[in-house]
Amino acid sequence: MLKKAKTIYDIAREAKVSPSTVSRVLTGSARVSDVKRAAVTRLLDKYQFQPNALARGLSESNARILGILVADIRNPYYAALVVECEKAAYNRGYTVMLCNALNKNELEDTHLEKLLAQRADAIIQIGCRADDLVPDPDYVAHVNRVNNLIPMIISGRLPGANCRSVYINHAEAMRMTIEYLISLGHEDIAIFGGARRVRSTYDKFQNYIYLCERHGMLPREEYIQEGDYTVNGGYDCMTRLLALKRRPTAAVAVNDYSAVGALKAASEQAVRVPLDCSLISFDNTFLSEVVSPKLTSVDYDYPAYGETLVSLALRAIAGEDAPREVLIDAKLVIRDSVQNVKPTDL
């Protein structure tokens, strides 16, 4: 029986590089590190590899495609970040191929395979299971297999994965948020929205508890309300907070969606924001500017965030020694939804 001829993808898999890297070696491109070039060349010699039409097509087409897999593009946080990634990619001569997982695991897996099949040069994954607090071993294995073929960058932290990651400094963001409220005299501070099974939300909640204790405020269990990341979820959480005998004077929403729902619940109960209860949110999407009152919100500098994701992907494509982890700083954008409750001298 004749042995099946090796393909460019077989070479890439064994050398633990992307198919485009093998293609660049075949065409003599300078955009390959010495280590990767040596690994690929050794295998090309070992198998006496002859590039076929598919391989030549891969090298000659120079498609320059970045795949972006996003949890749910309807969420304005994801939408804002994807747009900035697309701008950064376009400025470098790359086209973006966008896949929307709709928060479904099976669709996420399917899209990863399709991006591989479409010969994307790299994949940037924003959200999805890359943000799970307890990673699914099968998913981690899938990410590692993909990353062995083409560079994969995730916006989150995924223990066990060998891909590069970019994530927000939630500890510093929460510190700014809580200390800002404390500086204005707030002591009864709640946090709501999201689920602790998601690492970013878990980090927010844990840092909230730590900061309350650090500043001598005993965290009240009823002030920590889990839900989801939607307007309805925020509405339900705020409804529960407003039903408490001792209402919080300020509340922190895990995202702008949740904050919009909270504003709706407060309005229906004639609770004035910020006069009766101050409100801060995370993400600083367009929603924070269009609601009334305008939301004080935590911003991540989306242009710089998108630039970081794309730059890291392109450095990985080029075989450069790019960092494995990059931390994104946050800042608090002050608007109209927070009030000073310190007593004033008469």
C-alpha atoms as a PDB file:
ATOM      1  CA  MET A   1       0.000   0.000   0.000  1.00  0.00           C
ATOM      2  CA  LEU A   2       1.314   3.421  -0.936  1.00  0.00           C
ATOM      3  CA  LYS A   3       1.893   5.802   1.929  1.00  0.00           C
ATOM      4  CA  LYS A   4      -0.248   8.903   1.908  1.00  0.00           C
ATOM      5  CA  ALA A   5       1.806  11.924   0.869  1.00  0.00           C
ATOM      6  CA  LYS A   6       2.411  14.524   3.560  1.00  0.00           C
ATOM      7  CA  THR A   7       0.526  17.784   3.184  1.00  0.00           C
ATOM      8  CA  ILE A   8       1.474  21.281   4.249  1.00  0.00           C
ATOM      9  CA  TYR A   9      -0.911  20.849   7.191  1.00  0.00           C
ATOM     10  CA  ASP A  10       0.819  17.628   8.293  1.00  0.00           C
ATOM     11  CA  ILE A  11       4.166  19.418   8.255  1.00  0.00           C
ATOM     12  CA  ALA A  12       2.699  22.365  10.190  1.00  0.00           C
ATOM     13  CA  ARG A  13       1.137  20.093  12.795  1.00  0.00           C
ATOM     14  CA  GLU A  14       4.341  18.132  13.408  1.00  0.00           C
ATOM     15  CA  ALA A  15       6.506  21.255  13.493  1.00  0.00           C
ATOM     16  CA  LYS A  16       3.968  22.961  15.790  1.00  0.00           C
ATOM     17  CA  VAL A  17       3.679  25.982  13.522  1.00  0.00           C
ATOM     18  CA  SER A  18       0.944  27.429  11.322  1.00  0.00           C
ATOM     19  CA  PRO A  19       0.407  26.295   7.707  1.00  0.00           C
ATOM     20  CA  SER A  20       1.223  29.856   6.620  1.00  0.00           C
ATOM     21  CA  THR A  21       4.604  29.540   8.377  1.00  0.00           C
ATOM     22  CA  VAL A  22       5.355  26.383   6.364  1.00  0.00           C
ATOM     23  CA  SER A  23       4.293  28.282   3.249  1.00  0.00           C
ATOM     24  CA  ARG A  24       6.676  31.128   4.044  1.00  0.00           C
ATOM     25  CA  VAL A  25       9.542  28.663   4.505  1.00  0.00           C
ATOM     26  CA  LEU A  26       8.737  27.097   1.128  1.00  0.00           C
ATOM     27  CA  THR A  27       8.770  30.480  -0.592  1.00  0.00           C
ATOM     28  CA  GLY A  28      11.885  31.728   1.213  1.00  0.00           C
ATOM     29  CA  SER A  29      10.097  34.503   3.106  1.00  0.00           C
ATOM     30  CA  ALA A  30      12.151  36.326   5.753  1.00  0.00           C
ATOM     31  CA  ARG A  31       9.160  36.543   8.105  1.00  0.00           C
ATOM     32  CA  VAL A  32       9.997  33.306   9.930  1.00  0.00           C
ATOM     33  CA  SER A  33      12.124  32.877  13.047  1.00  0.00           C
ATOM     34  CA  ASP A  34      15.311  30.804  12.753  1.00  0.00           C
ATOM     35  CA  VAL A  35      13.947  28.214  15.215  1.00  0.00           C
ATOM     36  CA  LYS A  36      10.713  27.678  13.290  1.00  0.00           C
ATOM     37  CA  ARG A  37      12.489  27.699   9.931  1.00  0.00           C
ATOM     38  CA  ALA A  38      14.885  24.991  11.136  1.00  0.00           C
ATOM     39  CA  ALA A  39      12.027  22.823  12.471  1.00  0.00           C
ATOM     40  CA  VAL A  40      10.067  23.087   9.235  1.00  0.00           C
ATOM     41  CA  THR A  41      13.105  22.551   7.006  1.00  0.00           C
ATOM     42  CA  ARG A  42      14.049  19.405   8.913  1.00  0.00           C
ATOM     43  CA  LEU A  43      10.603  17.921   8.297  1.00  0.00           C
ATOM     44  CA  LEU A  44      10.545  18.992   4.643  1.00  0.00           C
ATOM     45  CA  ASP A  45      13.821  17.136   4.146  1.00  0.00           C
ATOM     46  CA  LYS A  46      12.681  14.148   6.214  1.00  0.00           C
ATOM     47  CA  TYR A  47       9.559  13.604   4.110  1.00  0.00           C
ATOM     48  CA  GLN A  48      11.089  14.840   0.832  1.00  0.00           C
ATOM     49  CA  PHE A  49       8.129  17.184   0.690  1.00  0.00           C
ATOM     50  CA  GLN A  50       7.037  18.548  -2.680  1.00  0.00           C
ATOM     51  CA  PRO A  51       4.548  21.467  -2.547  1.00  0.00           C
ATOM     52  CA  ASN A  52       1.337  20.676  -4.377  1.00  0.00           C
ATOM     53  CA  ALA A  53      -1.154  23.055  -5.925  1.00  0.00           C
ATOM     54  CA  LEU A  54      -2.917  23.623  -2.592  1.00  0.00           C
ATOM     55  CA  ALA A  55       0.318  24.581  -0.894  1.00  0.00           C
ATOM     56  CA  ARG A  56       1.300  26.850  -3.766  1.00  0.00           C
ATOM     57  CA  GLY A  57      -2.133  28.441  -3.640  1.00  0.00           C
ATOM     58  CA  LEU A  58      -1.717  29.056   0.061  1.00  0.00           C
ATOM     59  CA  SER A  59       1.625  30.750  -0.435  1.00  0.00           C
ATOM     60  CA  GLU A  60       0.671  32.740  -3.503  1.00  0.00           C
ATOM     61  CA  SER A  61      -2.745  33.975  -2.396  1.00  0.00           C
ATOM     62  CA  ASN A  62      -1.330  35.801   0.631  1.00  0.00           C
ATOM     63  CA  ALA A  63      -4.871  36.216   1.905  1.00  0.00           C
ATOM     64  CA  ARG A  64      -3.834  38.013   5.134  1.00  0.00           C
ATOM     65  CA  ILE A  65      -6.936  37.070   7.096  1.00  0.00           C
ATOM     66  CA  LEU A  66      -7.460  37.372  10.837  1.00  0.00           C
ATOM     67  CA  GLY A  67     -10.277  35.287  12.272  1.00  0.00           C
ATOM     68  CA  ILE A  68     -12.236  36.814  15.142  1.00  0.00           C
ATOM     69  CA  LEU A  69     -14.488  34.589  17.210  1.00  0.00           C
ATOM     70  CA  VAL A  70     -16.747  36.541  19.574  1.00  0.00           C
ATOM     71  CA  ALA A  71     -19.169  35.330  22.240  1.00  0.00           C
ATOM     72  CA  ASP A  72     -22.119  37.513  21.157  1.00  0.00           C
ATOM     73  CA  ILE A  73     -21.713  40.516  18.886  1.00  0.00           C
ATOM     74  CA  ARG A  74     -25.025  41.939  20.135  1.00  0.00           C
ATOM     75  CA  ASN A  75     -23.329  42.860  23.415  1.00  0.00           C
ATOM     76  CA  PRO A  76     -21.996  46.410  22.933  1.00  0.00           C
ATOM     77  CA  TYR A  77     -18.761  45.555  24.790  1.00  0.00           C
ATOM     78  CA  TYR A  78     -17.934  42.870  22.239  1.00  0.00           C
ATOM     79  CA  ALA A  79     -19.099  45.028  19.349  1.00  0.00           C
ATOM     80  CA  ALA A  80     -16.880  47.942  20.403  1.00  0.00           C
ATOM     81  CA  LEU A  81     -13.827  45.707  20.761  1.00  0.00           C
ATOM     82  CA  VAL A  82     -14.387  43.888  17.456  1.00  0.00           C
ATOM     83  CA  VAL A  83     -14.653  47.195  15.588  1.00  0.00           C
ATOM     84  CA  GLU A  84     -11.315  48.346  17.009  1.00  0.00           C
ATOM     85  CA  CYS A  85      -9.714  45.006  16.109  1.00  0.00           C
ATOM     86  CA  GLU A  86     -11.008  45.380  12.561  1.00  0.00           C
ATOM     87  CA  LYS A  87      -9.598  48.905  12.292  1.00  0.00           C
ATOM     88  CA  ALA A  88      -6.196  47.766  13.561  1.00  0.00           C
ATOM     89  CA  ALA A  89      -6.182  44.779  11.186  1.00  0.00           C
ATOM     90  CA  TYR A  90      -7.194  46.918   8.187  1.00  0.00           C
ATOM     91  CA  ASN A  91      -4.396  49.405   8.916  1.00  0.00           C
ATOM     92  CA  ARG A  92      -1.930  46.524   8.561  1.00  0.00           C
ATOM     93  CA  GLY A  93      -3.391  45.159   5.362  1.00  0.00           C
ATOM     94  CA  TYR A  94      -5.409  42.348   6.945  1.00  0.00           C
ATOM     95  CA  THR A  95      -9.057  41.419   6.478  1.00  0.00           C
ATOM     96  CA  VAL A  96     -11.186  40.230   9.395  1.00  0.00           C
ATOM     97  CA  MET A  97     -13.337  37.121   9.199  1.00  0.00           C
ATOM     98  CA  LEU A  98     -15.918  37.418  11.999  1.00  0.00           C
ATOM     99  CA  CYS A  99     -17.684  34.453  13.637  1.00  0.00           C
ATOM    100  CA  ASN A 100     -20.382  34.878  16.281  1.00  0.00           C
ATOM    101  CA  ALA A 101     -20.728  32.008  18.784  1.00  0.00           C
ATOM    102  CA  LEU A 102     -24.052  33.266  20.227  1.00  0.00           C
ATOM    103  CA  ASN A 103     -22.846  31.943  23.619  1.00  0.00           C
ATOM    104  CA  LYS A 104     -23.183  28.346  22.378  1.00  0.00           C
ATOM    105  CA  ASN A 105     -20.310  25.959  23.041  1.00  0.00           C
ATOM    106  CA  GLU A 106     -20.919  23.732  20.033  1.00  0.00           C
ATOM    107  CA  LEU A 107     -21.041  26.751  17.723  1.00  0.00           C
ATOM    108  CA  GLU A 108     -17.808  28.023  19.223  1.00  0.00           C
ATOM    109  CA  ASP A 109     -16.082  24.695  18.433  1.00  0.00           C
ATOM    110  CA  THR A 110     -17.506  24.677  14.899  1.00  0.00           C
ATOM    111  CA  HIS A 111     -16.294  28.210  14.204  1.00  0.00           C
ATOM    112  CA  LEU A 112     -12.772  27.401  15.385  1.00  0.00           C
ATOM    113  CA  GLU A 113     -12.599  24.545  12.882  1.00  0.00           C
ATOM    114  CA  LYS A 114     -14.058  26.671  10.085  1.00  0.00           C
ATOM    115  CA  LEU A 115     -11.510  29.408  10.681  1.00  0.00           C
ATOM    116  CA  LEU A 116      -8.800  26.769  10.393  1.00  0.00           C
ATOM    117  CA  ALA A 117     -10.326  25.443   7.181  1.00  0.00           C
ATOM    118  CA  GLN A 118     -10.560  28.963   5.740  1.00  0.00           C
ATOM    119  CA  ARG A 119      -6.817  29.361   6.357  1.00  0.00           C
ATOM    120  CA  ALA A 120      -6.978  32.314   8.710  1.00  0.00           C
ATOM    121  CA  ASP A 121      -3.459  33.439   9.623  1.00  0.00           C
ATOM    122  CA  ALA A 122      -4.437  33.725  13.297  1.00  0.00           C
ATOM    123  CA  ILE A 123      -7.536  33.635  15.485  1.00  0.00           C
ATOM    124  CA  ILE A 124      -8.515  36.218  18.080  1.00  0.00           C
ATOM    125  CA  GLN A 125     -11.155  34.881  20.462  1.00  0.00           C
ATOM    126  CA  ILE A 126     -13.102  37.428  22.512  1.00  0.00           C
ATOM    127  CA  GLY A 127     -15.107  35.983  25.389  1.00  0.00           C
ATOM    128  CA  CYS A 128     -16.701  32.527  25.016  1.00  0.00           C
ATOM    129  CA  ARG A 129     -15.235  29.743  27.154  1.00  0.00           C
ATOM    130  CA  ALA A 130     -11.898  31.529  27.358  1.00  0.00           C
ATOM    131  CA  ASP A 131     -13.428  33.339  30.350  1.00  0.00           C
ATOM    132  CA  ASP A 132     -14.695  30.293  32.267  1.00  0.00           C
ATOM    133  CA  LEU A 133     -13.601  30.179  35.895  1.00  0.00           C
ATOM    134  CA  VAL A 134     -13.239  26.379  35.721  1.00  0.00           C
ATOM    135  CA  PRO A 135     -11.999  25.492  32.220  1.00  0.00           C
ATOM    136  CA  ASP A 136     -13.468  22.552  30.312  1.00  0.00           C
ATOM    137  CA  PRO A 137     -10.513  20.154  29.664  1.00  0.00           C
ATOM    138  CA  ASP A 138     -11.881  19.222  26.237  1.00  0.00           C
ATOM    139  CA  TYR A 139     -12.109  22.884  25.279  1.00  0.00           C
ATOM    140  CA  VAL A 140      -8.555  23.563  26.511  1.00  0.00           C
ATOM    141  CA  ALA A 141      -7.347  20.629  24.413  1.00  0.00           C
ATOM    142  CA  HIS A 142      -9.192  22.055  21.393  1.00  0.00           C
ATOM    143  CA  VAL A 143      -7.584  25.471  21.871  1.00  0.00           C
ATOM    144  CA  ASN A 144      -4.151  23.882  22.189  1.00  0.00           C
ATOM    145  CA  ARG A 145      -4.646  21.879  19.002  1.00  0.00           C
ATOM    146  CA  VAL A 146      -5.716  25.003  17.109  1.00  0.00           C
ATOM    147  CA  ASN A 147      -2.817  26.998  18.525  1.00  0.00           C
ATOM    148  CA  ASN A 148      -0.380  24.332  17.353  1.00  0.00           C
ATOM    149  CA  LEU A 149      -1.536  25.044  13.795  1.00  0.00           C
ATOM    150  CA  ILE A 150      -2.084  28.805  13.796  1.00  0.00           C
ATOM    151  CA  PRO A 151      -1.559  31.463  16.493  1.00  0.00           C
ATOM    152  CA  MET A 152      -4.532  31.947  18.785  1.00  0.00           C
ATOM    153  CA  ILE A 153      -5.033  34.970  21.057  1.00  0.00           C
ATOM    154  CA  ILE A 154      -7.758  35.026  23.717  1.00  0.00           C
ATOM    155  CA  SER A 155      -9.234  37.919  25.689  1.00  0.00           C
ATOM    156  CA  GLY A 156      -9.199  36.200  29.041  1.00  0.00           C
ATOM    157  CA  ARG A 157      -7.199  33.720  31.084  1.00  0.00           C
ATOM    158  CA  LEU A 158      -7.414  30.023  30.322  1.00  0.00           C
ATOM    159  CA  PRO A 159      -5.284  27.814  32.611  1.00  0.00           C
ATOM    160  CA  GLY A 160      -3.722  24.914  30.711  1.00  0.00           C
ATOM    161  CA  ALA A 161      -3.900  26.643  27.329  1.00  0.00           C
ATOM    162  CA  ASN A 162      -0.695  27.377  25.425  1.00  0.00           C
ATOM    163  CA  CYS A 163      -2.113  30.334  23.518  1.00  0.00           C
ATOM    164  CA  ARG A 164      -1.432  33.993  24.225  1.00  0.00           C
ATOM    165  CA  SER A 165      -3.912  35.962  26.320  1.00  0.00           C
ATOM    166  CA  VAL A 166      -4.926  39.574  26.829  1.00  0.00           C
ATOM    167  CA  TYR A 167      -7.059  40.406  29.846  1.00  0.00           C
ATOM    168  CA  ILE A 168      -8.322  43.371  31.842  1.00  0.00           C
ATOM    169  CA  ASN A 169      -6.833  44.392  35.180  1.00  0.00           C
ATOM    170  CA  HIS A 170     -10.081  43.844  37.087  1.00  0.00           C
ATOM    171  CA  ALA A 171      -8.391  44.229  40.482  1.00  0.00           C
ATOM    172  CA  GLU A 172      -7.263  47.760  39.695  1.00  0.00           C
ATOM    173  CA  ALA A 173     -10.575  48.623  38.022  1.00  0.00           C
ATOM    174  CA  MET A 174     -12.551  47.557  41.086  1.00  0.00           C
ATOM    175  CA  ARG A 175     -10.143  49.367  43.399  1.00  0.00           C
ATOM    176  CA  MET A 176     -10.745  52.632  41.531  1.00  0.00           C
ATOM    177  CA  THR A 177     -14.493  52.059  41.599  1.00  0.00           C
ATOM    178  CA  ILE A 178     -14.902  51.231  45.285  1.00  0.00           C
ATOM    179  CA  GLU A 179     -12.431  53.846  46.514  1.00  0.00           C
ATOM    180  CA  TYR A 180     -14.171  56.495  44.416  1.00  0.00           C
ATOM    181  CA  LEU A 181     -17.490  55.648  46.067  1.00  0.00           C
ATOM    182  CA  ILE A 182     -15.906  55.602  49.533  1.00  0.00           C
ATOM    183  CA  SER A 183     -14.331  59.013  48.878  1.00  0.00           C
ATOM    184  CA  LEU A 184     -17.854  60.348  48.323  1.00  0.00           C
ATOM    185  CA  GLY A 185     -19.089  58.976  51.644  1.00  0.00           C
ATOM    186  CA  HIS A 186     -20.698  55.700  50.524  1.00  0.00           C
ATOM    187  CA  GLU A 187     -20.505  52.783  52.970  1.00  0.00           C
ATOM    188  CA  ASP A 188     -23.462  50.618  51.912  1.00  0.00           C
ATOM    189  CA  ILE A 189     -22.233  49.520  48.485  1.00  0.00           C
ATOM    190  CA  ALA A 190     -23.745  46.658  46.478  1.00  0.00           C
ATOM    191  CA  ILE A 191     -22.520  44.775  43.422  1.00  0.00           C
ATOM    192  CA  PHE A 192     -24.758  42.972  40.939  1.00  0.00           C
ATOM    193  CA  GLY A 193     -25.058  41.213  37.607  1.00  0.00           C
ATOM    194  CA  GLY A 194     -23.277  38.332  35.949  1.00  0.00           C
ATOM    195  CA  ALA A 195     -22.296  34.945  37.351  1.00  0.00           C
ATOM    196  CA  ARG A 196     -19.291  33.908  39.398  1.00  0.00           C
ATOM    197  CA  ARG A 197     -18.668  30.927  37.098  1.00  0.00           C
ATOM    198  CA  VAL A 198     -17.255  33.529  34.670  1.00  0.00           C
ATOM    199  CA  ARG A 199     -13.710  34.482  35.664  1.00  0.00           C
ATOM    200  CA  SER A 200     -14.035  38.215  34.966  1.00  0.00           C
ATOM    201  CA  THR A 201     -17.156  38.432  37.141  1.00  0.00           C
ATOM    202  CA  TYR A 202     -15.627  36.229  39.828  1.00  0.00           C
ATOM    203  CA  ASP A 203     -12.616  38.559  39.944  1.00  0.00           C
ATOM    204  CA  LYS A 204     -14.880  41.604  40.276  1.00  0.00           C
ATOM    205  CA  PHE A 205     -16.854  40.060  43.134  1.00  0.00           C
ATOM    206  CA  GLN A 206     -13.764  38.827  44.994  1.00  0.00           C
ATOM    207  CA  ASN A 207     -12.043  42.188  44.715  1.00  0.00           C
ATOM    208  CA  TYR A 208     -15.219  43.919  45.858  1.00  0.00           C
ATOM    209  CA  ILE A 209     -15.258  41.749  49.010  1.00  0.00           C
ATOM    210  CA  TYR A 210     -11.554  42.312  49.635  1.00  0.00           C
ATOM    211  CA  LEU A 211     -11.871  46.096  49.251  1.00  0.00           C
ATOM    212  CA  CYS A 212     -14.909  46.329  51.513  1.00  0.00           C
ATOM    213  CA  GLU A 213     -13.033  44.441  54.236  1.00  0.00           C
ATOM    214  CA  ARG A 214      -9.891  46.490  53.685  1.00  0.00           C
ATOM    215  CA  HIS A 215     -11.837  49.700  54.255  1.00  0.00           C
ATOM    216  CA  GLY A 216     -13.622  48.417  57.326  1.00  0.00           C
ATOM    217  CA  MET A 217     -16.982  47.741  55.686  1.00  0.00           C
ATOM    218  CA  LEU A 218     -18.339  44.268  56.402  1.00  0.00           C
ATOM    219  CA  PRO A 219     -19.568  42.870  53.052  1.00  0.00           C
ATOM    220  CA  ARG A 220     -23.273  42.099  53.347  1.00  0.00           C
ATOM    221  CA  GLU A 221     -24.298  38.895  51.575  1.00  0.00           C
ATOM    222  CA  GLU A 222     -27.538  40.433  50.341  1.00  0.00           C
ATOM    223  CA  TYR A 223     -25.557  43.221  48.652  1.00  0.00           C
ATOM    224  CA  ILE A 224     -24.003  40.684  46.255  1.00  0.00           C
ATOM    225  CA  GLN A 225     -26.584  39.819  43.618  1.00  0.00           C
ATOM    226  CA  GLU A 226     -25.794  37.388  40.805  1.00  0.00           C
ATOM    227  CA  GLY A 227     -27.862  37.257  37.646  1.00  0.00           C
ATOM    228  CA  ASP A 228     -26.840  37.431  34.013  1.00  0.00           C
ATOM    229  CA  TYR A 229     -25.435  40.096  31.708  1.00  0.00           C
ATOM    230  CA  THR A 230     -28.667  41.357  30.172  1.00  0.00           C
ATOM    231  CA  VAL A 231     -30.963  44.312  30.772  1.00  0.00           C
ATOM    232  CA  ASN A 232     -33.524  41.953  32.322  1.00  0.00           C
ATOM    233  CA  GLY A 233     -30.840  40.469  34.553  1.00  0.00           C
ATOM    234  CA  GLY A 234     -29.848  43.905  35.827  1.00  0.00           C
ATOM    235  CA  TYR A 235     -33.510  44.776  36.361  1.00  0.00           C
ATOM    236  CA  ASP A 236     -34.066  41.691  38.506  1.00  0.00           C
ATOM    237  CA  CYS A 237     -30.928  42.286  40.572  1.00  0.00           C
ATOM    238  CA  MET A 238     -31.798  45.914  41.296  1.00  0.00           C
ATOM    239  CA  THR A 239     -35.362  44.952  42.170  1.00  0.00           C
ATOM    240  CA  ARG A 240     -33.999  42.607  44.838  1.00  0.00           C
ATOM    241  CA  LEU A 241     -31.625  45.263  46.165  1.00  0.00           C
ATOM    242  CA  LEU A 242     -34.384  47.844  46.423  1.00  0.00           C
ATOM    243  CA  ALA A 243     -36.541  45.367  48.343  1.00  0.00           C
ATOM    244  CA  LEU A 244     -33.960  45.197  51.167  1.00  0.00           C
ATOM    245  CA  LYS A 245     -34.781  46.806  54.489  1.00  0.00           C
ATOM    246  CA  ARG A 246     -31.389  48.503  54.395  1.00  0.00           C
ATOM    247  CA  ARG A 247     -30.964  49.662  50.833  1.00  0.00           C
ATOM    248  CA  PRO A 248     -27.484  50.336  49.475  1.00  0.00           C
ATOM    249  CA  THR A 249     -26.578  53.969  48.825  1.00  0.00           C
ATOM    250  CA  ALA A 250     -24.541  52.883  45.794  1.00  0.00           C
ATOM    251  CA  ALA A 251     -24.458  49.899  43.466  1.00  0.00           C
ATOM    252  CA  VAL A 252     -21.865  48.606  41.013  1.00  0.00           C
ATOM    253  CA  ALA A 253     -23.087  46.847  37.846  1.00  0.00           C
ATOM    254  CA  VAL A 254     -20.785  44.325  36.142  1.00  0.00           C
ATOM    255  CA  ASN A 255     -21.637  45.777  32.717  1.00  0.00           C
ATOM    256  CA  ASP A 256     -23.621  48.573  31.088  1.00  0.00           C
ATOM    257  CA  TYR A 257     -26.457  46.219  30.096  1.00  0.00           C
ATOM    258  CA  SER A 258     -27.044  45.368  33.758  1.00  0.00           C
ATOM    259  CA  ALA A 259     -26.875  49.057  34.684  1.00  0.00           C
ATOM    260  CA  VAL A 260     -29.553  49.943  32.129  1.00  0.00           C
ATOM    261  CA  GLY A 261     -31.826  47.312  33.650  1.00  0.00           C
ATOM    262  CA  ALA A 262     -31.086  48.723  37.107  1.00  0.00           C
ATOM    263  CA  LEU A 263     -32.090  52.206  35.971  1.00  0.00           C
ATOM    264  CA  LYS A 264     -35.385  50.814  34.712  1.00  0.00           C
ATOM    265  CA  ALA A 265     -36.099  49.069  38.037  1.00  0.00           C
ATOM    266  CA  ALA A 266     -35.211  52.201  40.005  1.00  0.00           C
ATOM    267  CA  SER A 267     -37.459  54.367  37.827  1.00  0.00           C
ATOM    268  CA  GLU A 268     -40.438  52.043  38.289  1.00  0.00           C
ATOM    269  CA  GLN A 269     -40.038  52.267  42.068  1.00  0.00           C
ATOM    270  CA  ALA A 270     -39.538  56.049  42.055  1.00  0.00           C
ATOM    271  CA  VAL A 271     -35.944  55.626  43.259  1.00  0.00           C
ATOM    272  CA  ARG A 272     -33.862  58.498  41.899  1.00  0.00           C
ATOM    273  CA  VAL A 273     -30.383  57.848  40.540  1.00  0.00           C
ATOM    274  CA  PRO A 274     -28.136  59.257  41.904  1.00  0.00           C
ATOM    275  CA  LEU A 275     -30.118  61.139  44.566  1.00  0.00           C
ATOM    276  CA  ASP A 276     -31.421  57.999  46.288  1.00  0.00           C
ATOM    277  CA  CYS A 277     -28.892  55.483  44.990  1.00  0.00           C
ATOM    278  CA  SER A 278     -25.679  56.031  43.043  1.00  0.00           C
ATOM    279  CA  LEU A 279     -24.804  53.695  40.174  1.00  0.00           C
ATOM    280  CA  ILE A 280     -21.501  52.752  38.519  1.00  0.00           C
ATOM    281  CA  SER A 281     -21.075  50.269  35.672  1.00  0.00           C
ATOM    282  CA  PHE A 282     -18.301  48.492  33.816  1.00  0.00           C
ATOM    283  CA  ASP A 283     -17.473  48.576  30.060  1.00  0.00           C
ATOM    284  CA  ASN A 284     -18.205  52.228  29.168  1.00  0.00           C
ATOM    285  CA  THR A 285     -20.032  51.371  25.952  1.00  0.00           C
ATOM    286  CA  PHE A 286     -22.246  53.790  24.017  1.00  0.00           C
ATOM    287  CA  LEU A 287     -25.073  52.880  26.424  1.00  0.00           C
ATOM    288  CA  SER A 288     -23.465  54.882  29.232  1.00  0.00           C
ATOM    289  CA  GLU A 289     -23.848  58.054  27.185  1.00  0.00           C
ATOM    290  CA  VAL A 290     -27.432  57.582  25.952  1.00  0.00           C
ATOM    291  CA  VAL A 291     -29.236  56.775  29.220  1.00  0.00           C
ATOM    292  CA  SER A 292     -30.368  59.296  31.812  1.00  0.00           C
ATOM    293  CA  PRO A 293     -28.548  59.970  33.981  1.00  0.00           C
ATOM    294  CA  LYS A 294     -25.385  59.293  32.003  1.00  0.00           C
ATOM    295  CA  LEU A 295     -23.477  56.458  33.634  1.00  0.00           C
ATOM    296  CA  THR A 296     -20.168  56.703  35.404  1.00  0.00           C
ATOM    297  CA  SER A 297     -18.449  53.640  33.947  1.00  0.00           C
ATOM    298  CA  VAL A 298     -15.124  51.801  33.795  1.00  0.00           C
ATOM    299  CA  ASP A 299     -13.433  52.198  30.414  1.00  0.00           C
ATOM    300  CA  TYR A 300     -10.769  49.957  28.806  1.00  0.00           C
ATOM    301  CA  ASP A 301      -9.543  52.259  26.006  1.00  0.00           C
ATOM    302  CA  TYR A 302     -11.020  50.112  23.235  1.00  0.00           C
ATOM    303  CA  PRO A 303      -8.710  51.412  20.456  1.00  0.00           C
ATOM    304  CA  ALA A 304      -5.627  50.429  22.482  1.00  0.00           C
ATOM    305  CA  TYR A 305      -7.256  47.137  23.508  1.00  0.00           C
ATOM    306  CA  GLY A 306      -8.012  46.189  19.898  1.00  0.00           C
ATOM    307  CA  GLU A 307      -4.547  47.314  18.809  1.00  0.00           C
ATOM    308  CA  THR A 308      -2.987  45.073  21.467  1.00  0.00           C
ATOM    309  CA  LEU A 309      -4.948  41.991  20.354  1.00  0.00           C
ATOM    310  CA  VAL A 310      -4.123  42.485  16.681  1.00  0.00           C
ATOM    311  CA  SER A 311      -0.477  43.407  17.237  1.00  0.00           C
ATOM    312  CA  LEU A 312       0.033  40.317  19.378  1.00  0.00           C
ATOM    313  CA  ALA A 313      -1.566  38.150  16.692  1.00  0.00           C
ATOM    314  CA  LEU A 314       0.623  39.600  13.948  1.00  0.00           C
ATOM    315  CA  ARG A 315       3.776  39.194  16.009  1.00  0.00           C
ATOM    316  CA  ALA A 316       2.863  35.561  16.579  1.00  0.00           C
ATOM    317  CA  ILE A 317       2.208  35.084  12.848  1.00  0.00           C
ATOM    318  CA  ALA A 318       5.646  36.502  12.104  1.00  0.00           C
ATOM    319  CA  GLY A 319       7.263  34.109  14.556  1.00  0.00           C
ATOM    320  CA  GLU A 320       8.425  36.893  16.850  1.00  0.00           C
ATOM    321  CA  ASP A 321       8.990  36.374  20.563  1.00  0.00           C
ATOM    322  CA  ALA A 322       5.675  37.962  21.600  1.00  0.00           C
ATOM    323  CA  PRO A 323       4.580  38.028  25.283  1.00  0.00           C
ATOM    324  CA  ARG A 324       2.330  35.226  26.511  1.00  0.00           C
ATOM    325  CA  GLU A 325       0.139  37.549  28.602  1.00  0.00           C
ATOM    326  CA  VAL A 326      -0.735  41.242  28.335  1.00  0.00           C
ATOM    327  CA  LEU A 327      -2.684  43.186  30.964  1.00  0.00           C
ATOM    328  CA  ILE A 328      -5.137  45.903  29.897  1.00  0.00           C
ATOM    329  CA  ASP A 329      -5.447  48.905  32.212  1.00  0.00           C
ATOM    330  CA  ALA A 330      -8.783  50.527  32.989  1.00  0.00           C
ATOM    331  CA  LYS A 331      -9.912  54.013  33.930  1.00  0.00           C
ATOM    332  CA  LEU A 332     -13.035  55.418  35.531  1.00  0.00           C
ATOM    333  CA  VAL A 333     -15.056  57.819  33.373  1.00  0.00           C
ATOM    334  CA  ILE A 334     -17.025  60.143  35.656  1.00  0.00           C
ATOM    335  CA  ARG A 335     -20.498  61.196  34.530  1.00  0.00           C
ATOM    336  CA  ASP A 336     -23.810  61.875  36.287  1.00  0.00           C
ATOM    337  CA  SER A 337     -24.884  58.672  38.048  1.00  0.00           C
ATOM    338  CA  VAL A 338     -22.940  59.051  41.316  1.00  0.00           C
ATOM    339  CA  GLN A 339     -23.599  61.500  44.133  1.00  0.00           C
ATOM    340  CA  ASN A 340     -21.522  62.682  47.091  1.00  0.00           C
ATOM    341  CA  VAL A 341     -23.279  61.634  50.321  1.00  0.00           C
ATOM    342  CA  LYS A 342     -20.794  63.139  52.760  1.00  0.00           C
ATOM    343  CA  PRO A 343     -22.426  65.499  55.220  1.00  0.00           C
ATOM    344  CA  THR A 344     -21.700  69.125  54.366  1.00  0.00           C
ATOM    345  CA  ASP A 345     -20.862  71.872  56.836  1.00  0.00           C
ATOM    346  CA  LEU A 346     -23.678  74.369  57.183  1.00  0.00           C
END
